[in-house]
Each structure stands twice: as C-alpha cells, then as structure tokens.
PDB file of N, CA and C in Angstrom:
ATOM      1  N   MET A   1     -17.181 -89.066   3.643  1.00  0.00           N
ATOM      2  CA  MET A   1     -17.576 -87.749   3.188  1.00  0.00           C
ATOM      3  C   MET A   1     -17.387 -86.709   4.298  1.00  0.00           C
ATOM      4  N   ASP A   2     -17.761 -87.056   5.528  1.00  0.00           N
ATOM      5  CA  ASP A   2     -17.607 -86.124   6.649  1.00  0.00           C
ATOM      6  C   ASP A   2     -16.145 -85.749   6.858  1.00  0.00           C
ATOM      7  N   ALA A   3     -15.270 -86.745   6.743  1.00  0.00           N
ATOM      8  CA  ALA A   3     -13.840 -86.482   6.933  1.00  0.00           C
ATOM      9  C   ALA A   3     -13.325 -85.527   5.856  1.00  0.00           C
ATOM     10  N   LEU A   4     -13.756 -85.740   4.638  1.00  0.00           N
ATOM     11  CA  LEU A   4     -13.319 -84.882   3.538  1.00  0.00           C
ATOM     12  C   LEU A   4     -13.822 -83.451   3.722  1.00  0.00           C
ATOM     13  N   CYS A   5     -15.058 -83.300   4.153  1.00  0.00           N
ATOM     14  CA  CYS A   5     -15.608 -81.959   4.412  1.00  0.00           C
ATOM     15  C   CYS A   5     -14.862 -81.275   5.554  1.00  0.00           C
ATOM     16  N   GLY A   6     -14.546 -82.031   6.599  1.00  0.00           N
ATOM     17  CA  GLY A   6     -13.781 -81.470   7.709  1.00  0.00           C
ATOM     18  C   GLY A   6     -12.393 -81.042   7.270  1.00  0.00           C
ATOM     19  N   HIS A   7     -11.759 -81.873   6.447  1.00  0.00           N
ATOM     20  CA  HIS A   7     -10.428 -81.537   5.933  1.00  0.00           C
ATOM     21  C   HIS A   7     -10.497 -80.259   5.090  1.00  0.00           C
ATOM     22  N   HIS A   8     -11.531 -80.142   4.292  1.00  0.00           N
ATOM     23  CA  HIS A   8     -11.703 -78.955   3.456  1.00  0.00           C
ATOM     24  C   HIS A   8     -11.847 -77.702   4.314  1.00  0.00           C
ATOM     25  N   ARG A   9     -12.638 -77.782   5.371  1.00  0.00           N
ATOM     26  CA  ARG A   9     -12.805 -76.633   6.275  1.00  0.00           C
ATOM     27  C   ARG A   9     -11.469 -76.236   6.904  1.00  0.00           C
ATOM     28  N   ARG A  10     -10.691 -77.225   7.321  1.00  0.00           N
ATOM     29  CA  ARG A  10      -9.381 -76.920   7.925  1.00  0.00           C
ATOM     30  C   ARG A  10      -8.438 -76.287   6.908  1.00  0.00           C
ATOM     31  N   LEU A  11      -8.477 -76.770   5.683  1.00  0.00           N
ATOM     32  CA  LEU A  11      -7.642 -76.176   4.632  1.00  0.00           C
ATOM     33  C   LEU A  11      -8.030 -74.728   4.360  1.00  0.00           C
ATOM     34  N   LEU A  12      -9.320 -74.456   4.329  1.00  0.00           N
ATOM     35  CA  LEU A  12      -9.771 -73.080   4.109  1.00  0.00           C
ATOM     36  C   LEU A  12      -9.351 -72.176   5.262  1.00  0.00           C
ATOM     37  N   ALA A  13      -9.434 -72.671   6.487  1.00  0.00           N
ATOM     38  CA  ALA A  13      -8.999 -71.885   7.644  1.00  0.00           C
ATOM     39  C   ALA A  13      -7.498 -71.624   7.578  1.00  0.00           C
ATOM     40  N   GLU A  14      -6.735 -72.627   7.179  1.00  0.00           N
ATOM     41  CA  GLU A  14      -5.284 -72.464   7.056  1.00  0.00           C
ATOM     42  C   GLU A  14      -4.956 -71.457   5.955  1.00  0.00           C
ATOM     43  N   ARG A  15      -5.705 -71.501   4.866  1.00  0.00           N
ATOM     44  CA  ARG A  15      -5.497 -70.537   3.784  1.00  0.00           C
ATOM     45  C   ARG A  15      -5.725 -69.113   4.289  1.00  0.00           C
ATOM     46  N   ASP A  16      -6.778 -68.922   5.073  1.00  0.00           N
ATOM     47  CA  ASP A  16      -7.059 -67.593   5.619  1.00  0.00           C
ATOM     48  C   ASP A  16      -5.926 -67.129   6.528  1.00  0.00           C
ATOM     49  N   ARG A  17      -5.400 -68.044   7.339  1.00  0.00           N
ATOM     50  CA  ARG A  17      -4.292 -67.706   8.237  1.00  0.00           C
ATOM     51  C   ARG A  17      -3.051 -67.331   7.432  1.00  0.00           C
ATOM     52  N   ILE A  18      -2.753 -68.097   6.398  1.00  0.00           N
ATOM     53  CA  ILE A  18      -1.579 -67.816   5.568  1.00  0.00           C
ATOM     54  C   ILE A  18      -1.760 -66.504   4.810  1.00  0.00           C
ATOM     55  N   ASP A  19      -2.973 -66.225   4.343  1.00  0.00           N
ATOM     56  CA  ASP A  19      -3.240 -64.935   3.689  1.00  0.00           C
ATOM     57  C   ASP A  19      -2.967 -63.772   4.643  1.00  0.00           C
ATOM     58  N   ALA A  20      -3.383 -63.925   5.901  1.00  0.00           N
ATOM     59  CA  ALA A  20      -3.135 -62.869   6.890  1.00  0.00           C
ATOM     60  C   ALA A  20      -1.640 -62.701   7.132  1.00  0.00           C
ATOM     61  N   LEU A  21      -0.910 -63.809   7.222  1.00  0.00           N
ATOM     62  CA  LEU A  21       0.546 -63.734   7.405  1.00  0.00           C
ATOM     63  C   LEU A  21       1.213 -63.065   6.206  1.00  0.00           C
ATOM     64  N   ALA A  22       0.796 -63.446   5.011  1.00  0.00           N
ATOM     65  CA  ALA A  22       1.374 -62.853   3.802  1.00  0.00           C
ATOM     66  C   ALA A  22       1.107 -61.353   3.757  1.00  0.00           C
ATOM     67  N   GLY A  23      -0.071 -60.941   4.166  1.00  0.00           N
ATOM     68  CA  GLY A  23      -0.383 -59.513   4.219  1.00  0.00           C
ATOM     69  C   GLY A  23       0.495 -58.781   5.211  1.00  0.00           C
ATOM     70  N   THR A  24       0.733 -59.407   6.369  1.00  0.00           N
ATOM     71  CA  THR A  24       1.599 -58.806   7.384  1.00  0.00           C
ATOM     72  C   THR A  24       3.017 -58.639   6.846  1.00  0.00           C
ATOM     73  N   VAL A  25       3.523 -59.671   6.192  1.00  0.00           N
ATOM     74  CA  VAL A  25       4.875 -59.602   5.624  1.00  0.00           C
ATOM     75  C   VAL A  25       4.939 -58.538   4.532  1.00  0.00           C
ATOM     76  N   SER A  26       3.925 -58.469   3.700  1.00  0.00           N
ATOM     77  CA  SER A  26       3.891 -57.470   2.630  1.00  0.00           C
ATOM     78  C   SER A  26       3.900 -56.049   3.187  1.00  0.00           C
ATOM     79  N   ARG A  27       3.083 -55.799   4.204  1.00  0.00           N
ATOM     80  CA  ARG A  27       3.055 -54.460   4.815  1.00  0.00           C
ATOM     81  C   ARG A  27       4.387 -54.144   5.495  1.00  0.00           C
ATOM     82  N   THR A  28       4.998 -55.143   6.106  1.00  0.00           N
ATOM     83  CA  THR A  28       6.293 -54.936   6.752  1.00  0.00           C
ATOM     84  C   THR A  28       7.348 -54.555   5.724  1.00  0.00           C
ATOM     85  N   ILE A  29       7.378 -55.274   4.617  1.00  0.00           N
ATOM     86  CA  ILE A  29       8.330 -54.965   3.547  1.00  0.00           C
ATOM     87  C   ILE A  29       8.115 -53.544   3.035  1.00  0.00           C
ATOM     88  N   ALA A  30       6.860 -53.187   2.781  1.00  0.00           N
ATOM     89  CA  ALA A  30       6.559 -51.844   2.266  1.00  0.00           C
ATOM     90  C   ALA A  30       7.002 -50.770   3.247  1.00  0.00           C
ATOM     91  N   GLU A  31       6.753 -50.988   4.538  1.00  0.00           N
ATOM     92  CA  GLU A  31       7.132 -49.977   5.517  1.00  0.00           C
ATOM     93  C   GLU A  31       8.652 -49.892   5.662  1.00  0.00           C
ATOM     94  N   LEU A  32       9.339 -51.023   5.622  1.00  0.00           N
ATOM     95  CA  LEU A  32      10.803 -51.004   5.686  1.00  0.00           C
ATOM     96  C   LEU A  32      11.393 -50.281   4.477  1.00  0.00           C
ATOM     97  N   GLU A  33      10.843 -50.551   3.293  1.00  0.00           N
ATOM     98  CA  GLU A  33      11.329 -49.876   2.088  1.00  0.00           C
ATOM     99  C   GLU A  33      11.090 -48.372   2.166  1.00  0.00           C
ATOM    100  N   GLN A  34       9.912 -47.970   2.645  1.00  0.00           N
ATOM    101  CA  GLN A  34       9.604 -46.548   2.774  1.00  0.00           C
ATOM    102  C   GLN A  34      10.533 -45.892   3.787  1.00  0.00           C
ATOM    103  N   SER A  35      10.795 -46.579   4.874  1.00  0.00           N
ATOM    104  CA  SER A  35      11.674 -46.041   5.908  1.00  0.00           C
ATOM    105  C   SER A  35      13.096 -45.851   5.377  1.00  0.00           C
ATOM    106  N   ARG A  36      13.570 -46.821   4.613  1.00  0.00           N
ATOM    107  CA  ARG A  36      14.904 -46.698   4.016  1.00  0.00           C
ATOM    108  C   ARG A  36      14.959 -45.544   3.026  1.00  0.00           C
ATOM    109  N   LYS A  37      13.860 -45.364   2.297  1.00  0.00           N
ATOM    110  CA  LYS A  37      13.816 -44.345   1.246  1.00  0.00           C
ATOM    111  C   LYS A  37      13.823 -42.932   1.815  1.00  0.00           C
ATOM    112  N   ASP A  38      12.980 -42.684   2.821  1.00  0.00           N
ATOM    113  CA  ASP A  38      12.843 -41.309   3.299  1.00  0.00           C
ATOM    114  C   ASP A  38      13.096 -41.120   4.793  1.00  0.00           C
ATOM    115  N   GLY A  39      13.488 -42.175   5.473  1.00  0.00           N
ATOM    116  CA  GLY A  39      13.833 -42.047   6.886  1.00  0.00           C
ATOM    117  C   GLY A  39      12.652 -41.957   7.837  1.00  0.00           C
ATOM    118  N   THR A  40      11.438 -42.220   7.349  1.00  0.00           N
ATOM    119  CA  THR A  40      10.277 -42.164   8.246  1.00  0.00           C
ATOM    120  C   THR A  40      10.319 -43.320   9.242  1.00  0.00           C
ATOM    121  N   PRO A  41       9.821 -43.091  10.445  1.00  0.00           N
ATOM    122  CA  PRO A  41       9.824 -44.171  11.442  1.00  0.00           C
ATOM    123  C   PRO A  41       8.838 -45.274  11.056  1.00  0.00           C
ATOM    124  N   MET A  42       9.134 -46.471  11.492  1.00  0.00           N
ATOM    125  CA  MET A  42       8.296 -47.626  11.187  1.00  0.00           C
ATOM    126  C   MET A  42       7.245 -47.795  12.275  1.00  0.00           C
ATOM    127  N   THR A  43       6.278 -46.906  12.303  1.00  0.00           N
ATOM    128  CA  THR A  43       5.291 -46.911  13.383  1.00  0.00           C
ATOM    129  C   THR A  43       4.242 -48.002  13.235  1.00  0.00           C
ATOM    130  N   ALA A  44       3.830 -48.325  12.028  1.00  0.00           N
ATOM    131  CA  ALA A  44       2.759 -49.315  11.850  1.00  0.00           C
ATOM    132  C   ALA A  44       3.218 -50.717  12.223  1.00  0.00           C
ATOM    133  N   ILE A  45       4.410 -51.120  11.782  1.00  0.00           N
ATOM    134  CA  ILE A  45       4.822 -52.493  12.068  1.00  0.00           C
ATOM    135  C   ILE A  45       5.319 -52.655  13.495  1.00  0.00           C
ATOM    136  N   ASN A  46       5.565 -51.568  14.180  1.00  0.00           N
ATOM    137  CA  ASN A  46       6.015 -51.672  15.566  1.00  0.00           C
ATOM    138  C   ASN A  46       4.867 -51.939  16.527  1.00  0.00           C
ATOM    139  N   ARG A  47       3.637 -51.867  16.057  1.00  0.00           N
ATOM    140  CA  ARG A  47       2.474 -52.127  16.904  1.00  0.00           C
ATOM    141  C   ARG A  47       2.205 -53.629  16.901  1.00  0.00           C
ATOM    142  N   PRO A  48       2.131 -54.261  18.078  1.00  0.00           N
ATOM    143  CA  PRO A  48       1.956 -55.720  18.141  1.00  0.00           C
ATOM    144  C   PRO A  48       0.760 -56.238  17.355  1.00  0.00           C
ATOM    145  N   GLU A  49      -0.342 -55.501  17.354  1.00  0.00           N
ATOM    146  CA  GLU A  49      -1.519 -55.984  16.627  1.00  0.00           C
ATOM    147  C   GLU A  49      -1.277 -56.027  15.123  1.00  0.00           C
ATOM    148  N   ASN A  50      -0.330 -55.253  14.628  1.00  0.00           N
ATOM    149  CA  ASN A  50       0.027 -55.289  13.210  1.00  0.00           C
ATOM    150  C   ASN A  50       1.145 -56.294  12.948  1.00  0.00           C
ATOM    151  N   LEU A  51       2.119 -56.309  13.811  1.00  0.00           N
ATOM    152  CA  LEU A  51       3.289 -57.157  13.621  1.00  0.00           C
ATOM    153  C   LEU A  51       2.941 -58.639  13.672  1.00  0.00           C
ATOM    154  N   PHE A  52       1.992 -59.013  14.522  1.00  0.00           N
ATOM    155  CA  PHE A  52       1.682 -60.427  14.721  1.00  0.00           C
ATOM    156  C   PHE A  52       0.343 -60.846  14.134  1.00  0.00           C
ATOM    157  N   GLU A  53      -0.210 -60.049  13.226  1.00  0.00           N
ATOM    158  CA  GLU A  53      -1.479 -60.413  12.603  1.00  0.00           C
ATOM    159  C   GLU A  53      -1.318 -61.719  11.836  1.00  0.00           C
ATOM    160  N   GLY A  54      -2.222 -62.640  12.075  1.00  0.00           N
ATOM    161  CA  GLY A  54      -2.185 -63.930  11.389  1.00  0.00           C
ATOM    162  C   GLY A  54      -1.426 -65.003  12.130  1.00  0.00           C
ATOM    163  N   ILE A  55      -0.729 -64.627  13.189  1.00  0.00           N
ATOM    164  CA  ILE A  55       0.012 -65.607  13.983  1.00  0.00           C
ATOM    165  C   ILE A  55      -0.863 -66.044  15.143  1.00  0.00           C
ATOM    166  N   GLN A  56      -1.028 -67.329  15.275  1.00  0.00           N
ATOM    167  CA  GLN A  56      -1.838 -67.860  16.366  1.00  0.00           C
ATOM    168  C   GLN A  56      -1.018 -67.870  17.647  1.00  0.00           C
ATOM    169  N   PRO A  57      -1.628 -67.530  18.781  1.00  0.00           N
ATOM    170  CA  PRO A  57      -0.889 -67.458  20.050  1.00  0.00           C
ATOM    171  C   PRO A  57      -0.170 -68.756  20.421  1.00  0.00           C
ATOM    172  N   SER A  58      -0.673 -69.880  19.955  1.00  0.00           N
ATOM    173  CA  SER A  58      -0.058 -71.166  20.302  1.00  0.00           C
ATOM    174  C   SER A  58       1.230 -71.426  19.535  1.00  0.00           C
ATOM    175  N   GLN A  59       1.579 -70.561  18.594  1.00  0.00           N
ATOM    176  CA  GLN A  59       2.773 -70.816  17.778  1.00  0.00           C
ATOM    177  C   GLN A  59       3.936 -70.020  18.263  1.00  0.00           C
TER     178      GLN A  59
END
C-alpha cells in the first residue's frame, strides 16, 4: 500500500510538471502567432522565467 501511495504522489507531481510545460508551450505558440500577425516583439517568451517554466534544472 505504501508503494502504491508513493507512486501516486509521484504521478501527481509529474502531471503538475507536464501541465506547466504544456502551458509554457501554449503561451509560446500564442506569442509566436501574435508576433507573425502584427510584428510585435516576443517579449514574454524571451524571459527565462517564462521560457523554462516547468523544466526542472536537472534536465
């Protein structure tokens, strides 16, 4: 039972990490599309705290 509970916690943590990565990719796509559309600079995704959200330093 302990092993199963531990596995569940790790899966939930991984889900949170993947959700953060998916959000980062989604925002990047939106900003790239907006930039192509009207020529605005891509200021949000150029900031490291935005570009690498959800990526663990060990990866």
